[in-house]
Amino acid sequence: ALGLPFLPTYDDYQFKFKIRLNEKSELSFIGVGAFDRFKLNTDLEDPDEGQQYILNAVPVNNQMTYTFGAVYKIFHKKGYDAFILSRNLLQNELYKNKDNNPDSIRYFELESVEAENKFRWEHHSRTGSFKIMYGAGLEYATYENRTFQIVFRDSGPSLVDYNSSINMFNYNAFGQISRMFFGDRLTLSAGLRMDGSSYS
């Protein structure tokens, strides 16, 4: 109705759910995500110069992303332990067919996926006027990319055909101690963190 040369559709969601298992433990779930679909309005009647340029230049684009997580807490007399599990993903798909005709040659295509799976343990406690926190984490990350493109030049067409796949384990350990002063108006804290990766 607006005469747009492209037609975007956006769908988003989020949720949060907490279960109190007993007096000393609880379980929480959280998630956010989006599905974005972007297609060209090839049914546009008599497009002007700007609209036609967009139809000729812009590829079809579909994207999906989400983050899911769960937290299990065990409470004790001076604090709690938290076990955190999460996954996030971003997936992209772009393509372009000659004259925007699905039956004609596809001269550009890109597919990429990035994903991370994480686990973390944290210990929180109080000792007198001090707050203490320490823990460790582990992560498995993957990245995949496939790009195919026919580039048209005066000297003739050339081909770009690119594939990449990377996966790695990352790990960390951390600790922090803090204390409030002057009636809780000043907080001093000190901490240490170590990170490593199988990539390096």
N, C-alpha and C. Protein backbone atom coordinates (compact mmCIF):
# COMPACT_ATOMS: atom_id res chain seq x y z
N ALA A 1 0.82 -1.21 0.00
CA ALA A 1 0.00 0.00 0.00
C ALA A 1 0.86 1.26 0.00
N LEU A 2 2.04 1.21 0.62
CA LEU A 2 2.93 2.36 0.67
C LEU A 2 3.82 2.46 -0.55
N GLY A 3 3.83 1.43 -1.38
CA GLY A 3 4.69 1.43 -2.55
C GLY A 3 6.15 1.21 -2.22
N LEU A 4 6.43 0.50 -1.13
CA LEU A 4 7.82 0.22 -0.76
C LEU A 4 8.40 -0.84 -1.69
N PRO A 5 9.67 -0.69 -2.06
CA PRO A 5 10.30 -1.72 -2.90
C PRO A 5 10.74 -2.95 -2.11
N PHE A 6 10.67 -2.88 -0.80
CA PHE A 6 11.00 -4.03 0.04
C PHE A 6 9.90 -4.21 1.08
N LEU A 7 9.73 -5.44 1.54
CA LEU A 7 8.65 -5.77 2.48
C LEU A 7 9.24 -6.49 3.68
N PRO A 8 9.50 -5.77 4.78
CA PRO A 8 10.07 -6.42 5.97
C PRO A 8 8.98 -6.99 6.88
N THR A 9 9.30 -8.10 7.52
CA THR A 9 8.42 -8.70 8.53
C THR A 9 9.28 -8.99 9.76
N TYR A 10 8.85 -8.49 10.92
CA TYR A 10 9.61 -8.66 12.15
C TYR A 10 8.75 -9.38 13.18
N ASP A 11 9.28 -10.44 13.75
CA ASP A 11 8.62 -11.16 14.84
C ASP A 11 9.62 -11.29 15.99
N ASP A 12 9.20 -10.90 17.17
CA ASP A 12 10.06 -10.95 18.35
C ASP A 12 9.33 -11.63 19.50
N TYR A 13 10.09 -12.21 20.40
CA TYR A 13 9.48 -12.83 21.58
C TYR A 13 10.46 -12.76 22.75
N GLN A 14 9.90 -12.87 23.94
CA GLN A 14 10.72 -12.96 25.15
C GLN A 14 9.90 -13.64 26.24
N PHE A 15 10.62 -14.28 27.16
CA PHE A 15 9.93 -14.92 28.29
C PHE A 15 10.88 -15.00 29.48
N LYS A 16 10.29 -15.09 30.64
CA LYS A 16 11.03 -15.31 31.87
C LYS A 16 10.14 -16.11 32.82
N PHE A 17 10.71 -17.14 33.41
CA PHE A 17 9.94 -18.04 34.26
C PHE A 17 10.81 -18.45 35.43
N LYS A 18 10.28 -18.35 36.64
CA LYS A 18 11.04 -18.70 37.84
C LYS A 18 10.24 -19.70 38.68
N ILE A 19 10.91 -20.75 39.13
CA ILE A 19 10.29 -21.78 39.96
C ILE A 19 11.04 -21.87 41.28
N ARG A 20 10.32 -21.72 42.36
CA ARG A 20 10.92 -21.92 43.68
C ARG A 20 10.77 -23.40 44.03
N LEU A 21 11.86 -24.15 43.95
CA LEU A 21 11.79 -25.59 44.15
C LEU A 21 11.56 -25.95 45.61
N ASN A 22 12.28 -25.28 46.50
CA ASN A 22 12.09 -25.45 47.94
C ASN A 22 12.69 -24.24 48.63
N GLU A 23 12.84 -24.28 49.93
CA GLU A 23 13.35 -23.12 50.67
C GLU A 23 14.80 -22.80 50.33
N LYS A 24 15.53 -23.75 49.77
CA LYS A 24 16.95 -23.55 49.54
C LYS A 24 17.35 -23.56 48.06
N SER A 25 16.39 -23.62 47.15
CA SER A 25 16.79 -23.65 45.74
C SER A 25 15.68 -23.09 44.85
N GLU A 26 16.11 -22.53 43.70
CA GLU A 26 15.17 -22.03 42.70
C GLU A 26 15.76 -22.21 41.32
N LEU A 27 14.88 -22.25 40.32
CA LEU A 27 15.28 -22.44 38.94
C LEU A 27 14.62 -21.36 38.10
N SER A 28 15.41 -20.69 37.26
CA SER A 28 14.89 -19.61 36.41
C SER A 28 15.22 -19.90 34.95
N PHE A 29 14.28 -19.53 34.07
CA PHE A 29 14.49 -19.63 32.63
C PHE A 29 14.24 -18.26 32.01
N ILE A 30 15.05 -17.91 31.03
CA ILE A 30 14.86 -16.65 30.34
C ILE A 30 15.20 -16.84 28.86
N GLY A 31 14.51 -16.13 28.00
CA GLY A 31 14.79 -16.23 26.58
C GLY A 31 14.31 -15.01 25.82
N VAL A 32 15.06 -14.64 24.80
CA VAL A 32 14.66 -13.58 23.87
C VAL A 32 15.04 -14.04 22.47
N GLY A 33 14.27 -13.61 21.48
CA GLY A 33 14.58 -14.03 20.12
C GLY A 33 13.87 -13.18 19.09
N ALA A 34 14.29 -13.32 17.85
CA ALA A 34 13.70 -12.55 16.76
C ALA A 34 13.83 -13.31 15.45
N PHE A 35 12.79 -13.19 14.63
CA PHE A 35 12.80 -13.70 13.27
C PHE A 35 12.52 -12.50 12.35
N ASP A 36 13.46 -12.18 11.51
CA ASP A 36 13.32 -11.05 10.59
C ASP A 36 13.39 -11.56 9.16
N ARG A 37 12.35 -11.28 8.40
CA ARG A 37 12.31 -11.71 7.00
C ARG A 37 12.13 -10.46 6.12
N PHE A 38 12.91 -10.40 5.08
CA PHE A 38 12.99 -9.20 4.25
C PHE A 38 12.91 -9.65 2.79
N LYS A 39 11.81 -9.36 2.13
CA LYS A 39 11.69 -9.74 0.73
C LYS A 39 11.44 -8.51 -0.13
N LEU A 40 11.69 -8.67 -1.42
CA LEU A 40 11.53 -7.58 -2.37
C LEU A 40 10.11 -7.55 -2.92
N ASN A 41 9.60 -6.35 -3.12
CA ASN A 41 8.25 -6.17 -3.65
C ASN A 41 8.31 -6.15 -5.18
N THR A 42 8.46 -7.34 -5.75
CA THR A 42 8.58 -7.44 -7.21
C THR A 42 7.25 -7.19 -7.93
N ASP A 43 6.16 -7.12 -7.16
CA ASP A 43 4.85 -6.83 -7.76
C ASP A 43 4.56 -5.33 -7.85
N LEU A 44 5.55 -4.52 -7.48
CA LEU A 44 5.37 -3.06 -7.52
C LEU A 44 5.14 -2.60 -8.95
N GLU A 45 4.04 -1.89 -9.16
CA GLU A 45 3.70 -1.42 -10.50
C GLU A 45 4.41 -0.10 -10.82
N ASP A 46 5.05 -0.05 -11.97
CA ASP A 46 5.70 1.15 -12.49
C ASP A 46 6.62 1.80 -11.43
N PRO A 47 7.66 1.09 -10.95
CA PRO A 47 8.55 1.68 -9.94
C PRO A 47 9.33 2.87 -10.49
N ASP A 48 9.56 3.88 -9.63
CA ASP A 48 10.36 5.02 -10.06
C ASP A 48 11.84 4.64 -10.03
N GLU A 49 12.71 5.61 -10.33
CA GLU A 49 14.14 5.32 -10.45
C GLU A 49 14.74 4.84 -9.14
N GLY A 50 14.37 5.48 -8.02
CA GLY A 50 14.89 5.07 -6.73
C GLY A 50 14.42 3.69 -6.32
N GLN A 51 13.13 3.42 -6.54
CA GLN A 51 12.59 2.11 -6.21
C GLN A 51 13.23 1.01 -7.06
N GLN A 52 13.44 1.30 -8.33
CA GLN A 52 14.05 0.30 -9.22
C GLN A 52 15.49 0.03 -8.82
N TYR A 53 16.22 1.08 -8.37
CA TYR A 53 17.59 0.88 -7.92
C TYR A 53 17.64 -0.07 -6.72
N ILE A 54 16.73 0.12 -5.76
CA ILE A 54 16.67 -0.75 -4.59
C ILE A 54 16.34 -2.18 -4.99
N LEU A 55 15.37 -2.33 -5.90
CA LEU A 55 15.01 -3.67 -6.37
C LEU A 55 16.19 -4.37 -7.05
N ASN A 56 17.02 -3.61 -7.76
CA ASN A 56 18.16 -4.19 -8.47
C ASN A 56 19.33 -4.48 -7.55
N ALA A 57 19.49 -3.68 -6.48
CA ALA A 57 20.71 -3.76 -5.68
C ALA A 57 20.55 -4.55 -4.39
N VAL A 58 19.38 -4.53 -3.77
CA VAL A 58 19.23 -5.10 -2.42
C VAL A 58 18.91 -6.59 -2.51
N PRO A 59 19.62 -7.43 -1.75
CA PRO A 59 19.31 -8.86 -1.75
C PRO A 59 18.16 -9.19 -0.79
N VAL A 60 17.59 -10.36 -0.97
CA VAL A 60 16.63 -10.89 0.00
C VAL A 60 17.41 -11.27 1.25
N ASN A 61 16.86 -10.97 2.43
CA ASN A 61 17.59 -11.17 3.68
C ASN A 61 16.67 -11.80 4.72
N ASN A 62 17.10 -12.92 5.28
CA ASN A 62 16.39 -13.56 6.40
C ASN A 62 17.37 -13.70 7.55
N GLN A 63 16.89 -13.38 8.76
CA GLN A 63 17.75 -13.45 9.93
C GLN A 63 16.99 -14.03 11.10
N MET A 64 17.67 -14.86 11.87
CA MET A 64 17.10 -15.42 13.09
C MET A 64 18.14 -15.29 14.21
N THR A 65 17.68 -14.90 15.38
CA THR A 65 18.57 -14.82 16.53
C THR A 65 17.81 -15.17 17.80
N TYR A 66 18.51 -15.79 18.74
CA TYR A 66 17.88 -16.08 20.03
C TYR A 66 18.95 -16.24 21.10
N THR A 67 18.52 -16.07 22.32
CA THR A 67 19.33 -16.36 23.51
C THR A 67 18.44 -17.05 24.53
N PHE A 68 18.85 -18.22 24.97
CA PHE A 68 18.14 -18.97 26.01
C PHE A 68 19.08 -19.18 27.18
N GLY A 69 18.53 -19.15 28.39
CA GLY A 69 19.36 -19.38 29.55
C GLY A 69 18.58 -19.98 30.70
N ALA A 70 19.31 -20.68 31.56
CA ALA A 70 18.72 -21.26 32.77
C ALA A 70 19.70 -21.03 33.93
N VAL A 71 19.14 -20.69 35.09
CA VAL A 71 19.94 -20.44 36.28
C VAL A 71 19.39 -21.28 37.43
N TYR A 72 20.24 -22.08 38.02
CA TYR A 72 19.86 -22.88 39.18
C TYR A 72 20.63 -22.34 40.39
N LYS A 73 19.89 -21.89 41.41
CA LYS A 73 20.51 -21.31 42.61
C LYS A 73 20.26 -22.20 43.81
N ILE A 74 21.32 -22.39 44.58
CA ILE A 74 21.24 -23.10 45.86
C ILE A 74 21.64 -22.12 46.95
N PHE A 75 20.70 -21.84 47.86
CA PHE A 75 20.95 -20.87 48.92
C PHE A 75 21.52 -21.55 50.15
N HIS A 76 22.45 -20.87 50.79
CA HIS A 76 23.00 -21.36 52.06
C HIS A 76 23.04 -20.20 53.05
N LYS A 77 23.54 -20.46 54.21
CA LYS A 77 23.42 -19.51 55.32
C LYS A 77 24.04 -18.15 55.01
N LYS A 78 25.16 -18.14 54.30
CA LYS A 78 25.87 -16.87 54.07
C LYS A 78 25.85 -16.42 52.61
N GLY A 79 25.03 -17.04 51.78
CA GLY A 79 25.01 -16.64 50.38
C GLY A 79 24.35 -17.70 49.51
N TYR A 80 24.89 -17.88 48.31
CA TYR A 80 24.30 -18.87 47.40
C TYR A 80 25.32 -19.26 46.34
N ASP A 81 25.06 -20.40 45.69
CA ASP A 81 25.79 -20.85 44.52
C ASP A 81 24.84 -20.78 43.32
N ALA A 82 25.36 -20.35 42.18
CA ALA A 82 24.56 -20.25 40.96
C ALA A 82 25.23 -21.06 39.85
N PHE A 83 24.42 -21.85 39.16
CA PHE A 83 24.87 -22.63 38.00
C PHE A 83 24.10 -22.11 36.79
N ILE A 84 24.81 -21.57 35.81
CA ILE A 84 24.19 -20.83 34.71
C ILE A 84 24.54 -21.52 33.39
N LEU A 85 23.51 -21.86 32.63
CA LEU A 85 23.68 -22.50 31.33
C LEU A 85 22.96 -21.65 30.28
N SER A 86 23.62 -21.36 29.16
CA SER A 86 22.99 -20.50 28.15
C SER A 86 23.47 -20.86 26.75
N ARG A 87 22.67 -20.45 25.77
CA ARG A 87 23.02 -20.62 24.36
C ARG A 87 22.50 -19.40 23.60
N ASN A 88 23.34 -18.86 22.73
CA ASN A 88 22.88 -17.80 21.83
C ASN A 88 23.30 -18.12 20.41
N LEU A 89 22.47 -17.67 19.46
CA LEU A 89 22.70 -18.00 18.05
C LEU A 89 22.27 -16.82 17.18
N LEU A 90 23.03 -16.58 16.13
CA LEU A 90 22.67 -15.61 15.10
C LEU A 90 22.87 -16.27 13.74
N GLN A 91 21.80 -16.31 12.96
CA GLN A 91 21.85 -16.94 11.64
C GLN A 91 21.39 -15.94 10.58
N ASN A 92 22.20 -15.81 9.54
CA ASN A 92 21.91 -14.88 8.45
C ASN A 92 21.84 -15.62 7.12
N GLU A 93 20.92 -15.20 6.28
CA GLU A 93 20.83 -15.73 4.92
C GLU A 93 20.51 -14.56 3.98
N LEU A 94 21.34 -14.37 2.99
CA LEU A 94 21.13 -13.35 1.97
C LEU A 94 21.31 -14.00 0.60
N TYR A 95 20.50 -13.58 -0.36
CA TYR A 95 20.69 -14.08 -1.72
C TYR A 95 20.09 -13.10 -2.72
N LYS A 96 20.58 -13.22 -3.96
CA LYS A 96 20.11 -12.35 -5.04
C LYS A 96 20.09 -13.15 -6.34
N ASN A 97 18.92 -13.17 -6.98
CA ASN A 97 18.77 -13.82 -8.28
C ASN A 97 18.73 -12.76 -9.39
N LYS A 98 19.17 -13.16 -10.56
CA LYS A 98 19.14 -12.24 -11.70
C LYS A 98 17.70 -11.81 -11.99
N ASP A 99 17.53 -10.49 -12.09
CA ASP A 99 16.21 -9.89 -12.35
C ASP A 99 15.19 -10.25 -11.27
N ASN A 100 15.67 -10.64 -10.09
CA ASN A 100 14.81 -11.02 -8.96
C ASN A 100 13.84 -12.15 -9.32
N ASN A 101 14.26 -12.97 -10.25
CA ASN A 101 13.43 -14.10 -10.70
C ASN A 101 13.95 -15.36 -10.01
N PRO A 102 13.12 -16.03 -9.21
CA PRO A 102 13.60 -17.22 -8.48
C PRO A 102 14.02 -18.36 -9.40
N ASP A 103 13.60 -18.33 -10.66
CA ASP A 103 13.98 -19.39 -11.60
C ASP A 103 15.24 -19.06 -12.38
N SER A 104 15.76 -17.85 -12.23
CA SER A 104 16.96 -17.45 -12.97
C SER A 104 18.21 -17.72 -12.12
N ILE A 105 19.37 -17.41 -12.67
CA ILE A 105 20.63 -17.71 -12.00
C ILE A 105 20.76 -16.92 -10.70
N ARG A 106 21.23 -17.60 -9.66
CA ARG A 106 21.51 -16.94 -8.37
C ARG A 106 22.98 -16.55 -8.37
N TYR A 107 23.25 -15.24 -8.39
CA TYR A 107 24.63 -14.79 -8.50
C TYR A 107 25.20 -14.29 -7.17
N PHE A 108 24.39 -14.29 -6.12
CA PHE A 108 24.93 -13.94 -4.80
C PHE A 108 24.20 -14.73 -3.73
N GLU A 109 24.98 -15.33 -2.81
CA GLU A 109 24.39 -16.09 -1.72
C GLU A 109 25.35 -16.07 -0.54
N LEU A 110 24.82 -15.77 0.63
CA LEU A 110 25.62 -15.77 1.84
C LEU A 110 24.82 -16.46 2.95
N GLU A 111 25.48 -17.37 3.64
CA GLU A 111 24.89 -18.03 4.79
C GLU A 111 25.92 -18.01 5.92
N SER A 112 25.50 -17.56 7.09
CA SER A 112 26.42 -17.53 8.23
C SER A 112 25.68 -17.90 9.50
N VAL A 113 26.39 -18.58 10.39
CA VAL A 113 25.84 -18.98 11.68
C VAL A 113 26.90 -18.74 12.74
N GLU A 114 26.52 -18.04 13.79
CA GLU A 114 27.38 -17.85 14.96
C GLU A 114 26.63 -18.39 16.17
N ALA A 115 27.28 -19.23 16.97
CA ALA A 115 26.61 -19.82 18.14
C ALA A 115 27.60 -19.94 19.29
N GLU A 116 27.07 -19.73 20.49
CA GLU A 116 27.87 -19.89 21.72
C GLU A 116 27.06 -20.68 22.74
N ASN A 117 27.70 -21.67 23.35
CA ASN A 117 27.11 -22.44 24.45
C ASN A 117 27.98 -22.22 25.67
N LYS A 118 27.37 -21.76 26.76
CA LYS A 118 28.15 -21.34 27.93
C LYS A 118 27.65 -22.01 29.20
N PHE A 119 28.60 -22.33 30.07
CA PHE A 119 28.28 -22.79 31.43
C PHE A 119 29.14 -22.01 32.41
N ARG A 120 28.53 -21.55 33.49
CA ARG A 120 29.26 -20.77 34.49
C ARG A 120 28.80 -21.16 35.89
N TRP A 121 29.73 -21.24 36.81
CA TRP A 121 29.43 -21.46 38.22
C TRP A 121 29.92 -20.26 39.01
N GLU A 122 29.07 -19.76 39.91
CA GLU A 122 29.43 -18.63 40.76
C GLU A 122 29.10 -18.95 42.21
N HIS A 123 29.98 -18.56 43.10
CA HIS A 123 29.76 -18.70 44.54
C HIS A 123 29.73 -17.29 45.14
N HIS A 124 28.64 -16.95 45.82
CA HIS A 124 28.48 -15.65 46.47
C HIS A 124 28.33 -15.87 47.97
N SER A 125 29.08 -15.10 48.77
CA SER A 125 28.96 -15.24 50.23
C SER A 125 29.36 -13.94 50.91
N ARG A 126 28.99 -13.84 52.18
CA ARG A 126 29.36 -12.70 53.03
C ARG A 126 30.13 -13.22 54.23
N THR A 127 31.20 -12.52 54.55
CA THR A 127 31.99 -12.82 55.75
C THR A 127 32.20 -11.52 56.48
N GLY A 128 31.48 -11.32 57.57
CA GLY A 128 31.53 -10.04 58.27
C GLY A 128 31.01 -8.93 57.36
N SER A 129 31.83 -7.91 57.12
CA SER A 129 31.43 -6.80 56.25
C SER A 129 31.93 -6.98 54.82
N PHE A 130 32.46 -8.13 54.49
CA PHE A 130 33.00 -8.38 53.16
C PHE A 130 32.05 -9.24 52.33
N LYS A 131 31.94 -8.92 51.06
CA LYS A 131 31.23 -9.75 50.08
C LYS A 131 32.26 -10.44 49.20
N ILE A 132 32.11 -11.74 49.05
CA ILE A 132 33.08 -12.53 48.29
C ILE A 132 32.35 -13.24 47.16
N MET A 133 32.93 -13.22 45.98
CA MET A 133 32.37 -13.93 44.83
C MET A 133 33.52 -14.54 44.04
N TYR A 134 33.36 -15.80 43.66
CA TYR A 134 34.34 -16.44 42.79
C TYR A 134 33.63 -17.51 41.97
N GLY A 135 34.29 -17.94 40.89
CA GLY A 135 33.66 -18.93 40.03
C GLY A 135 34.52 -19.28 38.83
N ALA A 136 33.91 -20.01 37.90
CA ALA A 136 34.60 -20.45 36.70
C ALA A 136 33.59 -20.64 35.58
N GLY A 137 34.07 -20.61 34.34
CA GLY A 137 33.17 -20.75 33.21
C GLY A 137 33.82 -21.51 32.06
N LEU A 138 32.96 -22.08 31.23
CA LEU A 138 33.39 -22.82 30.05
C LEU A 138 32.47 -22.45 28.89
N GLU A 139 33.03 -22.29 27.70
CA GLU A 139 32.25 -21.87 26.54
C GLU A 139 32.71 -22.63 25.30
N TYR A 140 31.74 -23.06 24.49
CA TYR A 140 32.05 -23.65 23.19
C TYR A 140 31.40 -22.76 22.13
N ALA A 141 32.22 -22.21 21.24
CA ALA A 141 31.74 -21.26 20.24
C ALA A 141 32.04 -21.78 18.84
N THR A 142 31.09 -21.54 17.92
CA THR A 142 31.27 -21.93 16.52
C THR A 142 30.91 -20.77 15.61
N TYR A 143 31.57 -20.72 14.47
CA TYR A 143 31.26 -19.72 13.45
C TYR A 143 31.41 -20.38 12.08
N GLU A 144 30.39 -20.26 11.25
CA GLU A 144 30.44 -20.80 9.90
C GLU A 144 29.97 -19.73 8.92
N ASN A 145 30.66 -19.66 7.79
CA ASN A 145 30.30 -18.68 6.77
C ASN A 145 30.51 -19.31 5.39
N ARG A 146 29.50 -19.15 4.54
CA ARG A 146 29.62 -19.57 3.14
C ARG A 146 29.16 -18.40 2.28
N THR A 147 30.04 -17.97 1.38
CA THR A 147 29.73 -16.87 0.48
C THR A 147 29.99 -17.30 -0.96
N PHE A 148 28.98 -17.13 -1.78
CA PHE A 148 29.10 -17.43 -3.21
C PHE A 148 28.65 -16.19 -3.97
N GLN A 149 29.46 -15.74 -4.92
CA GLN A 149 29.10 -14.54 -5.68
C GLN A 149 29.75 -14.57 -7.06
N ILE A 150 28.96 -14.23 -8.04
CA ILE A 150 29.47 -14.01 -9.39
C ILE A 150 29.58 -12.50 -9.59
N VAL A 151 30.79 -12.03 -9.80
CA VAL A 151 31.03 -10.60 -9.97
C VAL A 151 31.18 -10.32 -11.46
N PHE A 152 30.34 -9.42 -11.96
CA PHE A 152 30.37 -9.09 -13.39
C PHE A 152 31.23 -7.85 -13.61
N ARG A 153 32.27 -8.02 -14.45
CA ARG A 153 33.16 -6.91 -14.78
C ARG A 153 33.23 -6.77 -16.31
N ASP A 154 33.86 -5.69 -16.75
CA ASP A 154 34.01 -5.48 -18.19
C ASP A 154 34.83 -6.60 -18.82
N SER A 155 35.80 -7.13 -18.06
CA SER A 155 36.66 -8.20 -18.57
C SER A 155 35.95 -9.56 -18.53
N GLY A 156 34.77 -9.60 -17.95
CA GLY A 156 34.04 -10.86 -17.86
C GLY A 156 33.73 -11.21 -16.41
N PRO A 157 32.91 -12.22 -16.18
CA PRO A 157 32.53 -12.58 -14.82
C PRO A 157 33.65 -13.31 -14.09
N SER A 158 33.71 -13.10 -12.78
CA SER A 158 34.64 -13.83 -11.92
C SER A 158 33.87 -14.40 -10.74
N LEU A 159 34.40 -15.45 -10.15
CA LEU A 159 33.68 -16.20 -9.12
C LEU A 159 34.35 -16.05 -7.77
N VAL A 160 33.53 -15.78 -6.74
CA VAL A 160 33.97 -15.81 -5.34
C VAL A 160 33.23 -16.96 -4.67
N ASP A 161 33.96 -17.94 -4.19
CA ASP A 161 33.36 -19.09 -3.51
C ASP A 161 34.16 -19.32 -2.24
N TYR A 162 33.59 -18.91 -1.11
CA TYR A 162 34.32 -18.83 0.16
C TYR A 162 33.60 -19.64 1.22
N ASN A 163 34.36 -20.48 1.92
CA ASN A 163 33.81 -21.25 3.04
C ASN A 163 34.74 -21.14 4.23
N SER A 164 34.16 -20.92 5.40
CA SER A 164 34.96 -20.81 6.62
C SER A 164 34.22 -21.48 7.77
N SER A 165 34.96 -22.17 8.62
CA SER A 165 34.36 -22.82 9.79
C SER A 165 35.37 -22.78 10.93
N ILE A 166 34.96 -22.20 12.03
CA ILE A 166 35.83 -22.07 13.20
C ILE A 166 35.06 -22.55 14.42
N ASN A 167 35.70 -23.34 15.27
CA ASN A 167 35.11 -23.68 16.56
C ASN A 167 36.20 -23.66 17.62
N MET A 168 35.83 -23.31 18.82
CA MET A 168 36.83 -23.15 19.88
C MET A 168 36.20 -23.33 21.25
N PHE A 169 37.05 -23.74 22.20
CA PHE A 169 36.67 -23.79 23.61
C PHE A 169 37.32 -22.61 24.31
N ASN A 170 36.53 -21.88 25.09
CA ASN A 170 37.04 -20.80 25.93
C ASN A 170 36.76 -21.14 27.39
N TYR A 171 37.64 -20.73 28.27
CA TYR A 171 37.47 -21.04 29.69
C TYR A 171 37.96 -19.87 30.53
N ASN A 172 37.43 -19.75 31.73
CA ASN A 172 37.80 -18.63 32.58
C ASN A 172 37.62 -18.98 34.05
N ALA A 173 38.30 -18.24 34.88
CA ALA A 173 38.14 -18.31 36.33
C ALA A 173 38.26 -16.89 36.87
N PHE A 174 37.51 -16.60 37.94
CA PHE A 174 37.46 -15.22 38.41
C PHE A 174 37.15 -15.18 39.90
N GLY A 175 37.46 -14.06 40.52
CA GLY A 175 37.16 -13.85 41.92
C GLY A 175 37.13 -12.37 42.24
N GLN A 176 36.31 -12.01 43.24
CA GLN A 176 36.20 -10.60 43.62
C GLN A 176 35.83 -10.51 45.10
N ILE A 177 36.38 -9.50 45.76
CA ILE A 177 36.03 -9.21 47.14
C ILE A 177 35.70 -7.73 47.25
N SER A 178 34.67 -7.38 48.00
CA SER A 178 34.27 -5.98 48.11
C SER A 178 33.78 -5.68 49.52
N ARG A 179 33.80 -4.38 49.85
CA ARG A 179 33.34 -3.93 51.16
C ARG A 179 32.81 -2.51 51.04
N MET A 180 31.76 -2.21 51.81
CA MET A 180 31.18 -0.87 51.84
C MET A 180 31.73 -0.08 53.02
N PHE A 181 31.84 1.24 52.81
CA PHE A 181 32.35 2.14 53.84
C PHE A 181 31.43 3.36 53.95
N PHE A 182 31.56 4.08 55.04
CA PHE A 182 30.85 5.35 55.27
C PHE A 182 29.34 5.18 55.11
N GLY A 183 28.80 4.23 55.83
CA GLY A 183 27.35 4.03 55.77
C GLY A 183 26.85 3.63 54.40
N ASP A 184 27.55 2.74 53.75
CA ASP A 184 27.17 2.21 52.43
C ASP A 184 27.25 3.26 51.32
N ARG A 185 27.97 4.37 51.54
CA ARG A 185 28.09 5.39 50.49
C ARG A 185 29.31 5.16 49.61
N LEU A 186 30.21 4.28 50.01
CA LEU A 186 31.41 3.99 49.23
C LEU A 186 31.64 2.48 49.23
N THR A 187 31.87 1.93 48.05
CA THR A 187 32.18 0.50 47.91
C THR A 187 33.54 0.36 47.25
N LEU A 188 34.41 -0.38 47.88
CA LEU A 188 35.72 -0.70 47.30
C LEU A 188 35.73 -2.18 46.97
N SER A 189 36.26 -2.52 45.81
CA SER A 189 36.33 -3.92 45.41
C SER A 189 37.62 -4.19 44.66
N ALA A 190 38.06 -5.44 44.72
CA ALA A 190 39.25 -5.87 44.00
C ALA A 190 38.96 -7.27 43.46
N GLY A 191 39.50 -7.55 42.29
CA GLY A 191 39.24 -8.84 41.68
C GLY A 191 40.32 -9.28 40.73
N LEU A 192 40.26 -10.56 40.38
CA LEU A 192 41.17 -11.16 39.42
C LEU A 192 40.36 -12.00 38.45
N ARG A 193 40.82 -12.08 37.20
CA ARG A 193 40.16 -12.91 36.20
C ARG A 193 41.22 -13.49 35.27
N MET A 194 41.00 -14.75 34.87
CA MET A 194 41.87 -15.41 33.92
C MET A 194 41.02 -15.98 32.79
N ASP A 195 41.46 -15.78 31.54
CA ASP A 195 40.77 -16.32 30.38
C ASP A 195 41.73 -17.08 29.49
N GLY A 196 41.22 -18.15 28.89
CA GLY A 196 42.03 -18.91 27.93
C GLY A 196 41.15 -19.39 26.80
N SER A 197 41.77 -19.77 25.69
CA SER A 197 41.03 -20.21 24.52
C SER A 197 41.84 -21.24 23.75
N SER A 198 41.15 -22.27 23.25
CA SER A 198 41.82 -23.25 22.40
C SER A 198 42.21 -22.67 21.06
N TYR A 199 41.63 -21.52 20.68
CA TYR A 199 41.95 -20.90 19.39
C TYR A 199 43.40 -20.47 19.34
N SER A 200 43.95 -20.02 20.47
CA SER A 200 45.33 -19.54 20.51
C SER A 200 46.27 -20.58 21.13
